[in-house]
Amino acid sequence: MSAPTPKIRLRGVTKRFGDKLVLDGIDLDVAPRSSMVVIGGSGSGKSVLVKCILGLITPDEGSIEIDGQDVLRMPSDARDAVRARIGMLFQNGALFDSISVAENIAFGLLALKKATRAEARKRADAVLAQVGLAASVGDLSPAELSGGMQKRVALARAIAATPDILFFDEPTTGLDPIMGAVIDGLITEQVRRIGSTAIAITHDMASARRIGDRAAMIHKGRIVWEGPAESLMDSGNPMVDQFTHGRREGPIQMELRR
């Protein structure tokens, strides 16, 4: 019996910015309805990798398949339809200050004309409840919320359109350990409830093990290890072990930035 087609498949993805090689032939498979955590040091290529999958950056070489179709070679309207099935939780929430919480959550639904204003508000109230917030929070502005509440609202916005694919960029940044665990729990609950495929970038190893089924490490634009997320702290790979345990000595050396 053949293995199912990966939800996301990358082959030979390469990206340069001038003379700087940022992604150096990335190969990665993410299975349907699973969560992949991507780790790596600053400047290793994690964010560029995600931006390539999202279509915000075009790779110089390689292929990016979603459900077996190469999105880089699709007509623009088909590519836009694929992107409309993706939800994103940004590192700092990226909520719009000038509109209410409910309008933030419903923004994508209204922009894509997937709902009327009344329907969008009803959906916003429903997803607020799913992340543990009262419907009345929808009438507040983002500036009136704590950091943890802003993360919950950002998660509500990411799941509002019931996306096929979810991306999480440093979901626990700026949160205390308890609130970080709460957000991770909400992420895993919602991913399972929706049945989405998820990719998360994180430096938080506790978070990585809580939300990931599998994990991959990027170093100098290459995948140097992939395996179960539960094995991150005892992978047997010297680079992964140095990174996850925060060891100063090891194969990864700090480089001077030019």
Protein backbone atom coordinates (compact mmCIF):
# COMPACT_ATOMS: atom_id res chain seq x y z
CA MET A 1 0.00 0.00 0.00
CA SER A 2 1.52 3.33 -1.09
CA ALA A 3 2.03 6.18 1.36
CA PRO A 4 -0.45 9.06 1.16
CA THR A 5 0.54 12.08 -0.89
CA PRO A 6 2.17 14.67 1.40
CA LYS A 7 0.04 17.71 2.07
CA ILE A 8 3.16 19.81 1.49
CA ARG A 9 6.19 18.57 -0.44
CA LEU A 10 9.35 20.58 -1.10
CA ARG A 11 12.05 19.38 -3.45
CA GLY A 12 15.31 21.20 -4.13
CA VAL A 13 13.99 24.57 -2.94
CA THR A 14 16.77 27.12 -3.32
CA LYS A 15 16.77 30.85 -2.67
CA ARG A 16 19.52 33.44 -2.95
CA PHE A 17 19.53 37.12 -2.08
CA GLY A 18 22.42 38.51 -4.10
CA ASP A 19 25.49 36.46 -3.18
CA LYS A 20 23.83 35.09 -0.03
CA LEU A 21 22.54 31.52 -0.37
CA VAL A 22 19.69 31.29 2.15
CA LEU A 23 17.97 28.03 1.13
CA ASP A 24 20.25 25.38 -0.30
CA GLY A 25 18.13 22.63 -1.87
CA ILE A 26 15.47 22.05 0.81
CA ASP A 27 13.63 18.71 0.68
CA LEU A 28 10.76 18.33 3.15
CA ASP A 29 7.48 16.40 3.37
CA VAL A 30 4.61 17.28 5.69
CA ALA A 31 1.93 14.61 5.98
CA PRO A 32 -1.79 15.49 5.90
CA ARG A 33 -3.33 16.39 9.28
CA SER A 34 0.07 16.47 10.99
CA SER A 35 2.13 19.22 12.62
CA MET A 36 5.72 19.88 11.56
CA VAL A 37 7.96 22.05 13.74
CA VAL A 38 10.94 23.75 12.09
CA ILE A 39 13.82 24.80 14.34
CA GLY A 40 17.16 26.46 13.65
CA GLY A 41 19.29 29.40 14.62
CA SER A 42 18.73 33.00 13.59
CA GLY A 43 19.48 33.43 9.90
CA SER A 44 19.25 29.70 9.17
CA GLY A 45 16.47 30.16 6.60
CA LYS A 46 13.33 29.23 8.59
CA SER A 47 11.34 32.35 7.83
CA VAL A 48 12.38 32.42 4.16
CA LEU A 49 11.27 28.80 3.87
CA VAL A 50 7.80 29.61 5.20
CA LYS A 51 7.53 32.71 3.00
CA CYS A 52 8.35 30.56 -0.03
CA ILE A 53 5.55 28.11 0.84
CA LEU A 54 3.16 31.01 1.46
CA GLY A 55 4.06 32.51 -1.91
CA LEU A 56 5.44 35.74 -0.44
CA ILE A 57 8.87 34.90 -1.90
CA THR A 58 9.53 32.99 -5.13
CA PRO A 59 12.34 30.40 -4.93
CA ASP A 60 15.09 30.46 -7.53
CA GLU A 61 14.92 26.70 -8.01
CA GLY A 62 12.90 23.68 -6.90
CA SER A 63 9.24 22.76 -6.49
CA ILE A 64 6.63 23.32 -3.79
CA GLU A 65 3.66 20.98 -4.00
CA ILE A 66 0.41 21.23 -2.07
CA ASP A 67 -1.84 18.20 -2.45
CA GLY A 68 0.45 16.97 -5.23
CA GLN A 69 0.25 20.14 -7.33
CA ASP A 70 3.23 22.41 -7.85
CA VAL A 71 2.01 25.84 -6.78
CA LEU A 72 4.99 27.57 -8.41
CA ARG A 73 3.77 26.46 -11.83
CA MET A 74 0.05 27.06 -11.34
CA PRO A 75 -1.87 29.85 -13.07
CA SER A 76 -2.19 32.86 -10.77
CA ASP A 77 -5.90 32.33 -10.07
CA ALA A 78 -5.33 28.71 -9.01
CA ARG A 79 -2.41 29.80 -6.85
CA ASP A 80 -4.57 32.44 -5.17
CA ALA A 81 -7.20 29.78 -4.45
CA VAL A 82 -4.58 27.63 -2.71
CA ARG A 83 -3.35 30.59 -0.62
CA ALA A 84 -6.93 31.32 0.44
CA ARG A 85 -6.91 27.93 2.22
CA ILE A 86 -3.99 28.92 4.45
CA GLY A 87 -4.16 30.49 7.92
CA MET A 88 -1.27 32.27 9.62
CA LEU A 89 -0.46 33.14 13.23
CA PHE A 90 2.24 35.82 13.13
CA GLN A 91 4.99 36.13 15.73
CA ASN A 92 3.68 39.34 17.31
CA GLY A 93 0.03 38.78 16.48
CA ALA A 94 0.02 41.48 13.75
CA LEU A 95 -3.45 42.64 14.74
CA PHE A 96 -4.75 45.83 13.15
CA ASP A 97 -4.86 48.56 15.80
CA SER A 98 -7.48 50.68 14.03
CA ILE A 99 -10.28 48.09 14.03
CA SER A 100 -11.99 46.01 16.70
CA VAL A 101 -11.05 42.50 17.74
CA ALA A 102 -14.10 41.07 15.93
CA GLU A 103 -13.19 42.96 12.75
CA ASN A 104 -9.63 41.63 13.01
CA ILE A 105 -10.90 38.07 13.24
CA ALA A 106 -13.36 38.52 10.38
CA PHE A 107 -10.93 40.42 8.16
CA GLY A 108 -10.06 37.49 5.90
CA LEU A 109 -13.65 36.33 5.59
CA LEU A 110 -14.77 39.79 4.49
CA ALA A 111 -11.77 40.41 2.23
CA LEU A 112 -12.39 37.14 0.41
CA LYS A 113 -16.16 37.78 0.39
CA LYS A 114 -16.81 34.51 2.20
CA ALA A 115 -19.37 36.04 4.55
CA THR A 116 -21.64 39.01 5.09
CA ARG A 117 -20.82 41.35 7.99
CA ALA A 118 -23.48 39.71 10.16
CA GLU A 119 -22.20 36.22 9.32
CA ALA A 120 -18.60 37.32 9.91
CA ARG A 121 -19.46 38.68 13.38
CA LYS A 122 -21.23 35.45 14.27
CA ARG A 123 -18.17 33.49 13.15
CA ALA A 124 -15.87 35.81 15.13
CA ASP A 125 -17.92 35.20 18.28
CA ALA A 126 -17.73 31.43 17.69
CA VAL A 127 -13.96 31.29 17.27
CA LEU A 128 -13.44 33.61 20.25
CA ALA A 129 -15.26 31.00 22.32
CA GLN A 130 -13.03 28.27 20.88
CA VAL A 131 -9.92 30.10 22.14
CA GLY A 132 -11.47 30.75 25.55
CA LEU A 133 -12.61 34.36 25.13
CA ALA A 134 -16.08 35.87 25.58
CA ALA A 135 -17.95 37.33 22.62
CA SER A 136 -17.78 40.74 24.35
CA VAL A 137 -14.01 40.78 23.73
CA GLY A 138 -14.88 41.27 20.06
CA ASP A 139 -15.94 44.85 20.79
CA LEU A 140 -12.58 45.80 22.30
CA SER A 141 -9.57 47.16 20.46
CA PRO A 142 -6.35 45.08 20.37
CA ALA A 143 -4.62 47.73 22.54
CA GLU A 144 -7.01 46.86 25.39
CA LEU A 145 -5.85 43.24 25.48
CA SER A 146 -2.99 41.58 27.34
CA GLY A 147 -0.24 39.81 25.37
CA GLY A 148 -1.81 36.41 25.99
CA MET A 149 -5.26 37.61 24.90
CA GLN A 150 -3.76 39.12 21.74
CA LYS A 151 -2.22 35.74 20.90
CA ARG A 152 -5.61 34.09 21.39
CA VAL A 153 -7.24 36.63 19.10
CA ALA A 154 -4.50 36.11 16.49
CA LEU A 155 -5.13 32.37 16.69
CA ALA A 156 -8.88 32.96 16.33
CA ARG A 157 -8.21 34.99 13.18
CA ALA A 158 -5.95 32.25 11.80
CA ILE A 159 -8.64 29.57 12.19
CA ALA A 160 -11.70 31.70 11.34
CA ALA A 161 -11.93 30.48 7.74
CA THR A 162 -11.29 26.82 8.74
CA PRO A 163 -8.04 26.64 6.77
CA ASP A 164 -6.54 23.53 5.25
CA ILE A 165 -3.04 24.60 6.26
CA LEU A 166 -1.87 26.63 9.27
CA PHE A 167 1.45 28.37 9.84
CA PHE A 168 2.66 29.46 13.27
CA ASP A 169 5.60 31.85 13.58
CA GLU A 170 7.09 31.72 17.09
CA PRO A 171 3.65 31.26 18.73
CA THR A 172 4.93 31.57 22.33
CA THR A 173 7.28 34.56 21.90
CA GLY A 174 6.75 37.15 24.63
CA LEU A 175 4.59 34.89 26.79
CA ASP A 176 5.33 33.51 30.24
CA PRO A 177 5.75 29.70 30.47
CA ILE A 178 2.20 29.09 31.70
CA MET A 179 0.55 31.23 29.02
CA GLY A 180 2.87 29.66 26.45
CA ALA A 181 1.58 26.23 27.45
CA VAL A 182 -2.02 27.52 27.25
CA ILE A 183 -1.47 28.84 23.71
CA ASP A 184 0.21 25.58 22.65
CA GLY A 185 -2.76 23.64 24.02
CA LEU A 186 -5.18 25.83 22.08
CA ILE A 187 -3.11 25.38 18.91
CA THR A 188 -3.09 21.60 19.15
CA GLU A 189 -6.82 21.51 19.99
CA GLN A 190 -7.74 23.69 17.02
CA VAL A 191 -5.45 21.91 14.55
CA ARG A 192 -7.04 18.59 15.50
CA ARG A 193 -10.56 19.99 15.49
CA ILE A 194 -10.20 21.52 12.03
CA GLY A 195 -8.09 18.68 10.64
CA SER A 196 -5.49 21.09 9.30
CA THR A 197 -1.88 20.46 8.41
CA ALA A 198 0.43 22.75 10.40
CA ILE A 199 3.97 24.10 10.18
CA ALA A 200 5.42 25.99 13.14
CA ILE A 201 8.67 27.90 13.52
CA THR A 202 9.90 28.10 17.08
CA HIS A 203 12.96 28.49 19.32
CA ASP A 204 10.96 27.19 22.30
CA MET A 205 11.79 23.51 22.69
CA ALA A 206 9.00 22.84 25.19
CA SER A 207 6.55 24.38 22.72
CA ALA A 208 8.03 22.39 19.82
CA ARG A 209 7.44 19.11 21.63
CA ARG A 210 3.92 20.10 22.68
CA ILE A 211 2.64 21.13 19.25
CA GLY A 212 4.74 19.04 16.85
CA ASP A 213 4.26 15.52 15.54
CA ARG A 214 7.53 15.76 13.65
CA ALA A 215 10.40 18.24 13.65
CA ALA A 216 13.09 19.35 11.25
CA MET A 217 16.19 21.45 11.83
CA ILE A 218 17.63 23.89 9.29
CA HIS A 219 21.28 24.91 9.39
CA LYS A 220 22.87 27.05 6.69
CA GLY A 221 19.86 26.60 4.45
CA ARG A 222 19.76 22.80 4.60
CA ILE A 223 17.69 20.29 6.53
CA VAL A 224 20.26 18.59 8.77
CA TRP A 225 17.83 16.42 10.75
CA GLU A 226 14.21 15.31 10.71
CA GLY A 227 12.43 13.05 13.16
CA PRO A 228 9.70 12.78 15.81
CA ALA A 229 9.25 16.02 17.77
CA GLU A 230 9.40 14.03 21.01
CA SER A 231 13.03 13.14 20.13
CA LEU A 232 14.25 16.74 19.90
CA MET A 233 16.09 16.63 23.23
CA ASP A 234 17.78 13.28 22.53
CA SER A 235 18.04 13.15 18.75
CA GLY A 236 21.58 11.79 18.60
CA ASN A 237 22.43 14.48 16.03
CA PRO A 238 25.26 16.72 17.32
CA MET A 239 23.83 19.89 15.73
CA VAL A 240 20.33 19.28 17.05
CA ASP A 241 21.62 18.35 20.49
CA GLN A 242 23.74 21.51 20.72
CA PHE A 243 20.82 23.69 19.62
CA THR A 244 18.09 22.13 21.78
CA HIS A 245 20.28 22.07 24.91
CA GLY A 246 21.70 25.55 24.28
CA ARG A 247 25.32 24.42 24.41
CA ARG A 248 28.02 26.91 23.57
CA GLU A 249 30.43 24.26 22.32
CA GLY A 250 29.62 22.03 19.38
CA PRO A 251 29.54 21.83 15.59
CA ILE A 252 27.49 25.04 15.25
CA GLN A 253 29.73 28.07 15.51
CA MET A 254 28.68 31.70 15.55
CA GLU A 255 29.69 33.49 12.38
CA LEU A 256 30.60 37.14 12.00
CA ARG A 257 27.89 39.03 10.13
CA ARG A 258 29.04 41.16 7.24
